[in-house]
């Protein structure tokens, strides 16, 4: 865990005032397995550690950044839904 730098804190404050969230969607044809998606996301997080970043506010307005072990992955069943 480490303290945020000055510029990181500035971005954090701006995001708290006006959050910027986005979603990406993709169409996948055919059947896929949830385990394959889970493994792909795990590899992506290993390659790009900031995808696991978490910022927490501590005492006296200190902010720290740490890496979560793993993001959650949910599916309705062991096979992904087909749309």
C-alpha atoms as a PDB file:
ATOM      1  CA  UNK A   1       0.000   0.000   0.000  1.00  0.00           C
ATOM      2  CA  UNK A   2       1.268   3.477  -0.777  1.00  0.00           C
ATOM      3  CA  UNK A   3       0.103   7.063  -0.435  1.00  0.00           C
ATOM      4  CA  UNK A   4      -1.214   8.758  -3.552  1.00  0.00           C
ATOM      5  CA  UNK A   5       0.940  11.394  -5.182  1.00  0.00           C
ATOM      6  CA  UNK A   6      -0.310  14.982  -5.537  1.00  0.00           C
ATOM      7  CA  UNK A   7      -1.559  14.496  -9.114  1.00  0.00           C
ATOM      8  CA  UNK A   8      -3.204  11.179  -8.221  1.00  0.00           C
ATOM      9  CA  UNK A   9      -5.040  12.879  -5.342  1.00  0.00           C
ATOM     10  CA  UNK A  10      -6.194  15.638  -7.687  1.00  0.00           C
ATOM     11  CA  UNK A  11      -7.653  13.085 -10.106  1.00  0.00           C
ATOM     12  CA  UNK A  12      -9.252  11.258  -7.178  1.00  0.00           C
ATOM     13  CA  UNK A  13     -10.966  14.464  -5.960  1.00  0.00           C
ATOM     14  CA  UNK A  14     -12.188  15.307  -9.475  1.00  0.00           C
ATOM     15  CA  UNK A  15     -13.561  11.798  -9.896  1.00  0.00           C
ATOM     16  CA  UNK A  16     -15.423  12.060  -6.590  1.00  0.00           C
ATOM     17  CA  UNK A  17     -17.113  15.275  -7.770  1.00  0.00           C
ATOM     18  CA  UNK A  18     -17.878  14.077 -11.312  1.00  0.00           C
ATOM     19  CA  UNK A  19     -17.369  10.331 -11.715  1.00  0.00           C
ATOM     20  CA  UNK A  20     -16.417   9.060 -15.120  1.00  0.00           C
ATOM     21  CA  UNK A  21     -17.559   5.489 -15.607  1.00  0.00           C
ATOM     22  CA  UNK A  22     -17.725   3.572 -18.830  1.00  0.00           C
ATOM     23  CA  UNK A  23     -18.778   0.155 -19.994  1.00  0.00           C
ATOM     24  CA  UNK A  24     -17.577  -1.897 -22.911  1.00  0.00           C
ATOM     25  CA  UNK A  25     -19.644  -4.598 -24.554  1.00  0.00           C
ATOM     26  CA  UNK A  26     -18.786  -7.245 -27.095  1.00  0.00           C
ATOM     27  CA  UNK A  27     -20.817  -9.770 -28.988  1.00  0.00           C
ATOM     28  CA  UNK A  28     -19.456 -13.293 -28.855  1.00  0.00           C
ATOM     29  CA  UNK A  29     -20.835 -15.984 -31.116  1.00  0.00           C
ATOM     30  CA  UNK A  30     -21.051 -19.600 -30.059  1.00  0.00           C
ATOM     31  CA  UNK A  31     -20.829 -21.172 -26.653  1.00  0.00           C
ATOM     32  CA  UNK A  32     -18.188 -20.132 -24.157  1.00  0.00           C
ATOM     33  CA  UNK A  33     -17.260 -21.335 -20.706  1.00  0.00           C
ATOM     34  CA  UNK A  34     -17.212 -19.108 -17.632  1.00  0.00           C
ATOM     35  CA  UNK A  35     -13.845 -20.606 -16.612  1.00  0.00           C
ATOM     36  CA  UNK A  36     -12.305 -19.457 -19.896  1.00  0.00           C
ATOM     37  CA  UNK A  37     -13.540 -15.889 -19.277  1.00  0.00           C
ATOM     38  CA  UNK A  38     -12.317 -16.011 -15.678  1.00  0.00           C
ATOM     39  CA  UNK A  39      -8.843 -17.157 -16.799  1.00  0.00           C
ATOM     40  CA  UNK A  40      -8.696 -14.467 -19.490  1.00  0.00           C
ATOM     41  CA  UNK A  41      -9.604 -11.749 -16.971  1.00  0.00           C
ATOM     42  CA  UNK A  42      -7.009 -13.081 -14.515  1.00  0.00           C
ATOM     43  CA  UNK A  43      -4.308 -12.892 -17.218  1.00  0.00           C
ATOM     44  CA  UNK A  44      -5.425  -9.372 -18.148  1.00  0.00           C
ATOM     45  CA  UNK A  45      -5.142  -8.247 -14.521  1.00  0.00           C
ATOM     46  CA  UNK A  46      -1.685  -9.810 -14.228  1.00  0.00           C
ATOM     47  CA  UNK A  47      -0.517  -7.968 -17.329  1.00  0.00           C
ATOM     48  CA  UNK A  48      -2.109  -4.631 -16.309  1.00  0.00           C
ATOM     49  CA  UNK A  49      -1.960  -4.332 -12.487  1.00  0.00           C
ATOM     50  CA  UNK A  50      -3.849  -1.018 -12.412  1.00  0.00           C
ATOM     51  CA  UNK A  51      -7.006  -2.933 -13.360  1.00  0.00           C
ATOM     52  CA  UNK A  52      -6.797  -4.213  -9.769  1.00  0.00           C
ATOM     53  CA  UNK A  53      -6.159  -0.832  -8.149  1.00  0.00           C
ATOM     54  CA  UNK A  54      -8.237   0.238  -5.182  1.00  0.00           C
ATOM     55  CA  UNK A  55      -8.072   3.666  -3.523  1.00  0.00           C
ATOM     56  CA  UNK A  56      -9.098   4.048   0.104  1.00  0.00           C
ATOM     57  CA  UNK A  57      -9.483   7.103   2.322  1.00  0.00           C
ATOM     58  CA  UNK A  58      -7.722   6.781   5.643  1.00  0.00           C
ATOM     59  CA  UNK A  59      -7.505   8.961   8.750  1.00  0.00           C
ATOM     60  CA  UNK A  60      -6.657  12.630   8.359  1.00  0.00           C
ATOM     61  CA  UNK A  61      -7.642  12.612   4.676  1.00  0.00           C
ATOM     62  CA  UNK A  62      -4.832  10.341   3.601  1.00  0.00           C
ATOM     63  CA  UNK A  63      -5.466   8.279   0.505  1.00  0.00           C
ATOM     64  CA  UNK A  64      -3.721   5.054  -0.333  1.00  0.00           C
ATOM     65  CA  UNK A  65      -3.626   2.841  -3.379  1.00  0.00           C
ATOM     66  CA  UNK A  66      -3.323  -0.911  -3.195  1.00  0.00           C
ATOM     67  CA  UNK A  67      -3.861  -3.805  -5.547  1.00  0.00           C
ATOM     68  CA  UNK A  68      -6.784  -6.117  -4.939  1.00  0.00           C
ATOM     69  CA  UNK A  69      -6.089  -9.803  -5.240  1.00  0.00           C
ATOM     70  CA  UNK A  70      -8.748 -10.321  -7.874  1.00  0.00           C
ATOM     71  CA  UNK A  71     -11.888  -8.682  -9.208  1.00  0.00           C
ATOM     72  CA  UNK A  72     -15.054 -10.695  -8.876  1.00  0.00           C
ATOM     73  CA  UNK A  73     -16.539 -12.504 -11.837  1.00  0.00           C
ATOM     74  CA  UNK A  74     -20.174 -13.545 -11.874  1.00  0.00           C
ATOM     75  CA  UNK A  75     -22.177 -15.589 -14.307  1.00  0.00           C
ATOM     76  CA  UNK A  76     -25.652 -17.043 -14.103  1.00  0.00           C
ATOM     77  CA  UNK A  77     -24.370 -20.564 -14.642  1.00  0.00           C
ATOM     78  CA  UNK A  78     -21.209 -22.392 -15.597  1.00  0.00           C
ATOM     79  CA  UNK A  79     -21.928 -21.448 -19.217  1.00  0.00           C
ATOM     80  CA  UNK A  80     -22.250 -17.856 -20.338  1.00  0.00           C
ATOM     81  CA  UNK A  81     -25.616 -16.674 -21.613  1.00  0.00           C
ATOM     82  CA  UNK A  82     -26.228 -16.347 -25.325  1.00  0.00           C
ATOM     83  CA  UNK A  83     -27.968 -13.163 -26.441  1.00  0.00           C
END
